[in-house]
Protein backbone atom coordinates (compact mmCIF):
# COMPACT_ATOMS: atom_id res chain seq x y z
CA MET A 1 -49.43 30.96 -4.21
CA LYS A 2 -49.20 27.44 -5.66
CA THR A 3 -45.76 28.31 -6.99
CA TYR A 4 -44.55 29.31 -3.49
CA ILE A 5 -45.98 26.16 -1.92
CA TYR A 6 -44.34 24.00 -4.60
CA THR A 7 -41.01 25.76 -4.11
CA PHE A 8 -41.23 25.34 -0.32
CA PHE A 9 -41.84 21.60 -0.56
CA LEU A 10 -39.12 21.25 -3.18
CA LEU A 11 -36.61 22.94 -0.86
CA LEU A 12 -37.81 20.86 2.07
CA SER A 13 -37.45 17.68 0.03
CA SER A 14 -33.96 18.70 -1.13
CA SER A 15 -32.89 19.41 2.45
CA PHE A 16 -34.19 16.04 3.58
CA CYS A 17 -32.37 14.25 0.77
CA PHE A 18 -29.16 16.14 1.59
CA ALA A 19 -29.47 15.11 5.25
CA GLN A 20 -30.07 11.53 4.19
CA THR A 21 -27.01 11.62 1.93
CA ASN A 22 -24.80 12.96 4.70
CA THR A 23 -26.03 10.26 7.09
CA ALA A 24 -25.23 7.59 4.53
CA GLN A 25 -21.83 9.10 3.91
CA LEU A 26 -20.88 8.70 7.55
CA SER A 27 -21.90 5.07 7.86
CA GLY A 28 -19.40 2.65 9.34
CA PRO A 29 -17.00 3.10 12.28
CA GLN A 30 -15.51 6.61 12.23
CA GLN A 31 -12.63 5.84 14.59
CA LEU A 32 -10.84 2.68 15.66
CA THR A 33 -11.81 1.90 19.24
CA VAL A 34 -10.60 -0.82 21.60
CA ALA A 35 -13.27 -3.50 22.05
CA LYS A 36 -14.35 -4.08 25.65
CA THR A 37 -13.83 -7.76 24.87
CA PRO A 38 -13.22 -9.55 21.56
CA GLU A 39 -16.61 -11.21 22.10
CA ALA A 40 -18.26 -7.77 21.89
CA ALA A 41 -17.05 -7.63 18.28
CA GLY A 42 -18.01 -11.21 17.48
CA MET A 43 -14.54 -12.70 18.04
CA SER A 44 -13.32 -15.41 20.41
CA SER A 45 -10.69 -14.21 22.88
CA GLU A 46 -9.60 -17.80 23.55
CA ARG A 47 -9.00 -18.44 19.86
CA LEU A 48 -7.25 -15.11 19.29
CA SER A 49 -4.85 -16.00 22.11
CA ARG A 50 -3.54 -18.81 19.92
CA ILE A 51 -1.70 -16.12 17.95
CA ASP A 52 0.40 -15.42 21.08
CA LYS A 53 1.78 -18.93 21.22
CA VAL A 54 2.57 -19.14 17.51
CA PHE A 55 4.36 -15.77 17.34
CA GLN A 56 6.27 -16.37 20.55
CA GLU A 57 7.52 -19.64 19.05
CA PHE A 58 8.72 -17.85 15.89
CA VAL A 59 10.72 -15.51 18.12
CA SER A 60 12.07 -18.14 20.53
CA ARG A 61 13.23 -20.28 17.61
CA ASP A 62 14.99 -17.24 16.08
CA GLN A 63 12.95 -17.58 12.91
CA LEU A 64 11.92 -13.93 13.25
CA PRO A 65 13.25 -11.18 15.53
CA GLY A 66 9.71 -10.03 16.29
CA MET A 67 6.57 -8.32 15.04
CA VAL A 68 3.52 -6.21 15.83
CA ALA A 69 0.09 -7.70 15.08
CA LEU A 70 -3.25 -5.91 14.94
CA VAL A 71 -6.79 -7.21 14.32
CA VAL A 72 -9.86 -5.02 13.89
CA ARG A 73 -13.47 -6.23 13.64
CA ASP A 74 -16.16 -3.72 12.67
CA GLY A 75 -13.97 -0.82 13.77
CA GLN A 76 -13.05 -2.37 17.13
CA ILE A 77 -9.49 -3.40 17.94
CA VAL A 78 -9.75 -6.96 19.25
CA TYR A 79 -6.04 -7.82 19.18
CA HIS A 80 -2.97 -5.57 19.26
CA LYS A 81 0.28 -7.06 20.55
CA ALA A 82 4.04 -6.84 20.11
CA PHE A 83 6.52 -9.71 20.21
CA GLY A 84 10.30 -10.01 20.21
CA THR A 85 13.21 -7.61 19.86
CA ALA A 86 12.97 -4.57 17.62
CA ASP A 87 16.72 -3.89 17.72
CA ALA A 88 19.21 -6.60 18.66
CA GLN A 89 21.95 -3.98 18.87
CA THR A 90 20.28 -2.18 21.79
CA GLY A 91 18.00 -4.94 23.04
CA ARG A 92 14.91 -2.77 22.61
CA ALA A 93 11.69 -4.77 22.60
CA PHE A 94 8.96 -4.25 20.01
CA LYS A 95 6.12 -1.91 21.03
CA THR A 96 2.65 -1.69 19.56
CA ASP A 97 3.18 1.95 18.49
CA ASP A 98 6.45 1.26 16.67
CA ILE A 99 6.90 2.85 13.25
CA PHE A 100 7.81 0.66 10.26
CA ARG A 101 9.02 1.31 6.73
CA ILE A 102 5.95 0.07 4.88
CA ALA A 103 7.55 0.20 1.40
CA SER A 104 4.99 -1.10 -1.13
CA MET A 105 2.14 -0.68 1.33
CA SER A 106 2.57 2.97 0.27
CA LYS A 107 1.06 2.06 -3.11
CA ALA A 108 -2.50 1.74 -1.84
CA ILE A 109 -2.31 5.16 -0.20
CA THR A 110 -0.95 6.68 -3.41
CA ALA A 111 -3.70 5.06 -5.49
CA THR A 112 -6.33 6.38 -3.06
CA ALA A 113 -4.87 9.89 -3.30
CA ALA A 114 -5.02 9.68 -7.09
CA MET A 115 -8.66 8.58 -7.01
CA MET A 116 -9.50 11.61 -4.88
CA LEU A 117 -8.26 13.76 -7.79
CA TYR A 118 -10.06 11.49 -10.26
CA GLU A 119 -13.27 12.47 -8.48
CA GLU A 120 -12.37 16.12 -9.11
CA GLY A 121 -12.14 15.49 -12.86
CA LYS A 122 -8.36 15.89 -13.07
CA PHE A 123 -7.91 12.83 -15.31
CA SER A 124 -9.52 9.80 -16.88
CA LEU A 125 -8.18 6.33 -16.15
CA ASP A 126 -7.53 5.82 -19.85
CA ASP A 127 -5.72 9.10 -20.43
CA PRO A 128 -2.17 8.61 -21.75
CA ILE A 129 0.32 9.79 -19.15
CA SER A 130 2.31 11.60 -21.86
CA LYS A 131 -0.49 14.19 -21.68
CA TRP A 132 1.29 15.47 -18.55
CA ILE A 133 4.77 13.88 -18.78
CA PRO A 134 6.02 14.29 -22.37
CA GLU A 135 9.01 12.01 -21.73
CA PHE A 136 6.58 9.07 -22.00
CA LYS A 137 5.42 10.01 -25.50
CA ASN A 138 6.05 7.32 -28.16
CA PRO A 139 7.22 4.55 -25.77
CA GLN A 140 9.60 1.85 -26.94
CA VAL A 141 9.74 -1.85 -26.00
CA LEU A 142 13.07 -3.59 -25.38
CA GLN A 143 13.99 -5.88 -28.30
CA SER A 144 17.60 -6.91 -27.65
CA PHE A 145 20.18 -6.30 -24.95
CA SER A 146 23.99 -6.54 -24.98
CA TRP A 147 25.67 -7.74 -21.80
CA ARG A 148 28.98 -6.49 -23.14
CA ASP A 149 28.16 -2.78 -22.90
CA THR A 150 24.48 -2.68 -21.71
CA SER A 151 23.43 -1.25 -25.07
CA TYR A 152 20.03 -2.28 -26.41
CA THR A 153 17.62 -2.01 -29.32
CA THR A 154 13.92 -1.27 -29.19
CA VAL A 155 10.72 -1.40 -31.24
CA PRO A 156 7.81 1.06 -30.97
CA ALA A 157 5.17 0.08 -28.41
CA LYS A 158 1.70 -0.69 -29.75
CA SER A 159 0.09 1.91 -27.50
CA GLU A 160 0.87 4.55 -24.93
CA ILE A 161 0.86 4.02 -21.16
CA THR A 162 -2.36 5.11 -19.47
CA VAL A 163 -3.13 5.97 -15.86
CA ARG A 164 -5.01 2.66 -15.60
CA HIS A 165 -1.89 0.81 -16.73
CA LEU A 166 0.16 2.49 -13.98
CA MET A 167 -2.30 1.56 -11.24
CA SER A 168 -2.78 -2.03 -12.39
CA HIS A 169 0.92 -2.81 -13.05
CA THR A 170 0.32 -3.43 -16.74
CA SER A 171 2.27 -0.42 -18.04
CA GLY A 172 5.32 -2.37 -19.22
CA LEU A 173 7.51 -0.38 -16.85
CA SER A 174 9.84 -2.33 -14.57
CA TYR A 175 11.68 -2.05 -11.33
CA GLY A 176 15.46 -2.22 -11.65
CA VAL A 177 17.42 -3.91 -8.86
CA ILE A 178 14.40 -5.57 -7.26
CA SER A 179 12.79 -6.67 -10.53
CA GLY A 180 14.79 -9.89 -10.85
CA ASP A 181 15.42 -9.00 -14.51
CA GLU A 182 19.15 -8.27 -14.78
CA ARG A 183 18.71 -6.47 -18.09
CA PHE A 184 16.55 -3.81 -16.48
CA SER A 185 18.72 -3.75 -13.39
CA ALA A 186 21.58 -2.72 -15.67
CA ILE A 187 19.53 -0.32 -17.81
CA ASN A 188 17.99 1.45 -14.83
CA ALA A 189 21.28 1.64 -12.93
CA LYS A 190 23.03 3.18 -15.93
CA ALA A 191 20.29 5.81 -16.18
CA GLY A 192 20.49 6.52 -12.44
CA ILE A 193 16.95 5.36 -11.64
CA VAL A 194 16.05 5.07 -7.94
CA ASP A 195 14.06 1.91 -7.22
CA LEU A 196 13.34 2.20 -3.54
CA TYR A 197 14.91 4.77 -1.22
CA THR A 198 17.56 7.40 -1.51
CA THR A 199 19.13 9.83 0.95
CA LYS A 200 20.53 11.89 -1.94
CA ALA A 201 19.05 15.18 -3.16
CA VAL A 202 16.86 13.51 -5.80
CA THR A 203 13.22 14.29 -6.51
CA VAL A 204 10.55 12.00 -7.90
CA ALA A 205 10.24 14.36 -10.88
CA ASP A 206 13.93 13.82 -11.71
CA ASN A 207 13.53 10.07 -11.47
CA ILE A 208 10.33 9.79 -13.49
CA LYS A 209 11.49 11.99 -16.35
CA LYS A 210 14.56 9.75 -16.76
CA LEU A 211 12.40 6.64 -16.51
CA GLY A 212 10.16 7.90 -19.31
CA LYS A 213 13.05 7.70 -21.77
CA LEU A 214 13.84 4.04 -21.03
CA PRO A 215 12.43 0.96 -22.81
CA LEU A 216 9.46 -1.04 -21.59
CA VAL A 217 9.46 -4.74 -20.72
CA HIS A 218 6.37 -5.31 -22.88
CA ASN A 219 3.56 -3.44 -24.59
CA PRO A 220 1.24 -1.58 -22.24
CA GLY A 221 -1.72 -3.71 -21.19
CA GLU A 222 -0.27 -7.02 -22.41
CA LYS A 223 1.15 -8.39 -19.14
CA TYR A 224 1.19 -7.82 -15.40
CA THR A 225 4.65 -6.64 -14.34
CA TYR A 226 5.22 -5.22 -10.86
CA ALA A 227 6.88 -1.88 -11.46
CA LEU A 228 7.57 1.76 -10.66
CA GLY A 229 4.14 2.79 -11.92
CA LEU A 230 2.99 4.11 -8.54
CA ASP A 231 6.06 6.36 -8.36
CA VAL A 232 4.96 7.78 -11.70
CA LEU A 233 1.46 8.19 -10.25
CA GLY A 234 2.89 10.10 -7.29
CA TYR A 235 4.53 12.54 -9.68
CA LEU A 236 1.26 12.89 -11.59
CA ILE A 237 -0.47 13.75 -8.31
CA GLU A 238 1.99 16.62 -7.93
CA ILE A 239 1.10 17.85 -11.44
CA TRP A 240 -2.67 17.44 -11.02
CA SER A 241 -2.79 19.01 -7.55
CA GLY A 242 -0.13 21.70 -7.87
CA GLN A 243 1.35 20.54 -4.55
CA SER A 244 4.30 18.39 -3.58
CA PHE A 245 3.16 14.79 -3.12
CA ASP A 246 4.13 14.99 0.53
CA GLN A 247 2.03 18.09 1.08
CA PHE A 248 -0.97 16.67 -0.79
CA LEU A 249 -1.00 13.49 1.30
CA ARG A 250 -0.55 15.41 4.53
CA THR A 251 -3.32 17.94 3.96
CA ARG A 252 -5.84 15.91 1.96
CA LEU A 253 -5.57 12.41 3.44
CA LEU A 254 -3.22 11.72 6.35
CA ASP A 255 -4.16 14.61 8.66
CA PRO A 256 -7.91 14.41 7.95
CA MET A 257 -7.77 10.65 8.54
CA GLY A 258 -5.99 11.16 11.86
CA MET A 259 -2.98 9.17 10.59
CA ASN A 260 -0.55 11.11 12.75
CA ASP A 261 2.27 8.54 12.64
CA THR A 262 2.49 8.17 8.85
CA TYR A 263 5.26 10.09 7.05
CA PHE A 264 7.79 10.12 4.27
CA TYR A 265 10.28 11.56 6.78
CA LEU A 266 9.82 11.21 10.52
CA PRO A 267 9.91 14.25 12.79
CA ASP A 268 12.75 14.21 15.31
CA ALA A 269 10.33 13.53 18.15
CA LYS A 270 9.26 10.24 16.54
CA LYS A 271 12.45 8.91 14.96
CA ASP A 272 13.29 6.72 17.99
CA ARG A 273 10.12 4.77 17.31
CA LEU A 274 11.39 3.67 13.87
CA VAL A 275 12.24 -0.03 13.89
CA PRO A 276 15.66 -0.88 12.38
CA VAL A 277 15.68 -3.30 9.46
CA GLN A 278 17.19 -6.58 10.74
CA ARG A 279 18.74 -9.63 9.14
CA PRO A 280 20.19 -12.91 10.48
CA SER A 281 23.63 -12.51 11.99
CA LYS A 282 26.59 -14.88 11.68
CA GLY A 283 27.92 -13.76 15.04
CA ALA A 284 26.89 -14.47 18.60
CA GLN A 285 23.75 -12.39 18.23
CA LYS A 286 21.02 -13.97 16.14
CA TRP A 287 20.08 -10.67 14.45
CA GLU A 288 21.86 -7.52 13.28
CA ARG A 289 20.99 -4.26 11.58
CA TYR A 290 20.77 -4.43 7.80
CA PRO A 291 23.66 -2.53 6.13
CA VAL A 292 23.59 0.12 3.42
CA THR A 293 23.28 -1.56 0.01
CA PHE A 294 21.60 -0.02 -3.03
CA TYR A 295 19.46 1.85 -0.50
CA ASP A 296 20.13 3.36 2.91
CA PRO A 297 17.89 1.89 5.66
CA ASN A 298 18.16 5.22 7.52
CA TYR A 299 16.15 6.83 4.70
CA PRO A 300 13.14 7.96 6.76
CA ILE A 301 15.27 9.91 9.26
CA SER A 302 18.33 11.13 7.35
CA GLY A 303 19.57 12.48 4.04
CA ALA A 304 18.32 15.23 1.77
CA LYS A 305 14.62 14.43 2.48
CA THR A 306 13.46 15.39 -1.01
CA TRP A 307 12.35 11.94 -2.17
CA PHE A 308 8.59 11.24 -2.00
CA SER A 309 8.12 7.78 -3.49
CA GLY A 310 4.49 6.85 -4.15
CA GLY A 311 5.49 3.23 -4.56
CA ALA A 312 7.67 2.67 -1.50
CA GLY A 313 8.38 5.81 0.52
CA LEU A 314 6.07 5.90 3.54
CA SER A 315 6.56 4.76 7.12
CA SER A 316 3.63 4.04 9.44
CA THR A 317 2.24 2.15 12.43
CA ALA A 318 -0.07 -0.85 12.46
CA LYS A 319 -2.90 1.28 13.88
CA ASP A 320 -2.50 4.11 11.36
CA TYR A 321 -2.59 1.68 8.47
CA ALA A 322 -5.60 -0.10 9.93
CA SER A 323 -7.39 3.28 10.04
CA PHE A 324 -6.69 3.74 6.33
CA LEU A 325 -8.07 0.27 5.59
CA GLN A 326 -11.13 0.94 7.76
CA MET A 327 -11.94 3.95 5.60
CA LEU A 328 -11.97 1.70 2.53
CA VAL A 329 -14.02 -1.01 4.28
CA ASN A 330 -16.46 1.76 5.28
CA GLY A 331 -16.93 2.61 1.61
CA GLY A 332 -14.80 5.75 1.64
CA VAL A 333 -15.63 7.49 4.92
CA PHE A 334 -13.72 7.87 8.19
CA ASN A 335 -13.24 10.42 10.96
CA GLY A 336 -16.49 12.16 9.99
CA LYS A 337 -15.36 12.80 6.39
CA ARG A 338 -15.90 11.26 2.99
CA PHE A 339 -12.66 10.67 1.10
CA LEU A 340 -13.98 8.62 -1.82
CA ALA A 341 -17.37 7.76 -3.27
CA PRO A 342 -18.47 4.13 -2.79
CA TYR A 343 -18.20 3.29 -6.50
CA ASN A 344 -14.62 4.50 -6.64
CA VAL A 345 -13.81 2.46 -3.53
CA TYR A 346 -15.17 -0.49 -5.53
CA LEU A 347 -12.84 0.35 -8.42
CA LEU A 348 -9.90 0.54 -6.00
CA THR A 349 -10.59 -2.53 -3.91
CA GLN A 350 -12.74 -4.98 -5.87
CA SER A 351 -12.75 -4.45 -9.64
CA ASN A 352 -10.76 -6.73 -11.94
CA GLN A 353 -8.47 -4.49 -13.99
CA VAL A 354 -6.14 -7.17 -15.39
CA GLY A 355 -8.39 -10.03 -16.50
CA ASP A 356 -6.45 -13.26 -16.03
CA LEU A 357 -3.01 -11.62 -16.31
CA LEU A 358 -2.39 -12.14 -12.58
CA GLY A 359 -2.35 -15.88 -11.85
CA GLY A 360 -4.11 -16.90 -15.06
CA GLU A 361 -7.62 -18.33 -15.34
CA LYS A 362 -6.98 -20.67 -12.40
CA GLY A 363 -5.48 -18.05 -10.12
CA ASP A 364 -6.78 -17.35 -6.62
CA THR A 365 -6.74 -13.57 -7.07
CA HIS A 366 -7.17 -10.75 -9.53
CA PHE A 367 -5.78 -7.23 -9.35
CA SER A 368 -7.84 -4.07 -8.94
CA LEU A 369 -6.48 -0.52 -9.13
CA ALA A 370 -4.43 -1.06 -5.98
CA PHE A 371 -4.83 -4.51 -4.47
CA SER A 372 -4.68 -8.26 -4.89
CA VAL A 373 -8.33 -9.34 -4.54
CA LEU A 374 -9.44 -12.84 -3.52
CA ASN A 375 -11.82 -14.73 -5.82
CA LYS A 376 -14.02 -17.78 -5.16
CA GLN A 377 -11.19 -20.20 -5.84
CA GLY A 378 -9.02 -18.41 -3.30
CA GLN A 379 -11.87 -18.46 -0.80
CA ASP A 380 -12.41 -22.17 -1.32
CA LYS A 381 -8.74 -22.81 -0.64
CA GLY A 382 -9.12 -21.29 2.82
CA ASN A 383 -7.62 -17.84 2.24
CA GLY A 384 -10.58 -15.72 3.36
CA SER A 385 -13.78 -14.31 1.90
CA ILE A 386 -14.33 -13.36 -1.73
CA GLY A 387 -13.36 -9.70 -2.09
CA ARG A 388 -10.69 -9.69 0.61
CA PHE A 389 -8.03 -7.25 -0.57
CA SER A 390 -4.39 -7.24 0.48
CA TRP A 391 -0.75 -6.44 -0.26
CA GLY A 392 2.61 -6.23 1.50
CA GLY A 393 5.92 -4.41 1.63
CA TYR A 394 9.58 -5.08 0.86
CA PHE A 395 10.53 -5.25 4.55
CA ASN A 396 7.87 -7.88 5.34
CA THR A 397 4.93 -5.78 6.37
CA ASN A 398 1.50 -7.10 5.37
CA TYR A 399 -2.19 -6.27 5.50
CA TRP A 400 -5.52 -7.90 4.64
CA ALA A 401 -9.00 -6.32 4.66
CA ASP A 402 -12.18 -8.38 4.39
CA PRO A 403 -15.28 -6.22 3.77
CA LYS A 404 -17.66 -9.18 4.14
CA GLU A 405 -16.43 -10.05 7.63
CA LYS A 406 -15.55 -6.41 8.44
CA LEU A 407 -12.08 -7.66 9.35
CA ILE A 408 -8.77 -5.80 9.12
CA MET A 409 -5.51 -7.63 9.78
CA VAL A 410 -2.09 -5.94 9.90
CA LEU A 411 1.21 -7.72 10.56
CA MET A 412 4.33 -5.56 10.80
CA LYS A 413 7.85 -7.00 10.68
CA GLN A 414 11.05 -5.28 9.57
CA THR A 415 13.43 -7.79 8.02
CA GLN A 416 15.43 -8.48 4.90
CA GLY A 417 17.49 -11.50 3.92
CA VAL A 418 15.37 -13.98 5.89
CA ALA A 419 12.68 -16.30 4.59
CA ASP A 420 9.40 -15.85 6.42
CA PRO A 421 8.51 -19.06 8.32
CA GLY A 422 4.83 -18.78 7.43
CA SER A 423 3.77 -16.01 9.80
CA GLU A 424 1.38 -14.36 7.32
CA GLY A 425 -0.56 -17.51 6.51
CA VAL A 426 -0.92 -18.72 10.09
CA PHE A 427 -1.86 -15.21 11.26
CA THR A 428 -4.83 -14.92 8.91
CA ARG A 429 -5.93 -18.54 9.47
CA LEU A 430 -6.02 -18.08 13.23
CA ILE A 431 -7.97 -14.83 12.86
CA TYR A 432 -10.67 -16.36 10.64
CA SER A 433 -10.86 -19.27 13.08
CA ALA A 434 -11.60 -16.77 15.86
CA VAL A 435 -14.68 -15.28 14.15
CA ASP A 436 -17.75 -16.24 16.20
CA LYS A 437 -20.45 -14.34 14.37
């Protein structure tokens, strides 16, 4: 009899603990809602309205063609506005639900997807990637380079590239055209490496296997070098999951999150919402569509549609991306589901994976497994709270998430070939100045 009573109370206790765990898992806002007033979310509507004047001036002075800005406080949208002209060719104005090429803002989504598989035991952060991609076995570091014929010599690397190296940009891999290093621009181009977008019938697997045979900029773990590591990670996700990267994101993250406007390739019904990339014009119009260069700006709506770049391939809206950030600020839960455990959200958004390799000992930030993270020095310079994590994209899209203030800030532009007049800095300053409590 005592055994039955003990068993009953044990089961009752287990059920209670399970219920408690589920309740904790669903803490934090589960959907983005529109605040009745900014004041209801602890923000000043009068101070937020200062953003209107500043952004309208950027547009009227032809410093920027336009933008979409979104601010969320504790899961409530307190500011969501569009400014300027999305397409000078047609005269179409920006709209708050416009879709943007988010380029390197894809990296955080890719890193999150990888950590979901990490939680399933598919890999360790310090596993060598050659365990799954043999082309990366016995890596070599560039020693000398000939401009005459783009030939080069190498020396063996001191260690292999690990998953951690990929995620923290310390692998020694490089970008090509956009790296700023003409040696690797030439080496990658000769090997046919895709840096950004392609409309050709190329797969990430094709690209990564070729990349694995090329030399590194430096030994893995020795320096921070922004690189194609998240494209490699996207290919690894395909191997670990047994699905195409596109399918994995759709079924495991984007659809469950309710991110219904985030894609590698836009459906026909949504392609008219894609904002053209614009640049300054020398003609009568102040802005024009960016031409085809080493990439085709029509990538998300045309071409072979086989290229799923973990480092730069997604397109999204300000609200969709804010939902993704809200999940991380919530500690890994959103839309009634847990996507990551709190500790792994910490690894992604807060941990220091690079020591002082990013900015040195006196830098304002460190780098986690996906983000630039603000430290005390950065806070004291007026950049936000310690632990604020952020990044941006090649076409001038940006985001910032501040877990302490429960703030999410997204600023979407779509330009190339124009220096930003300071829109990112003034945007975040005005938002912090609007926090009332």
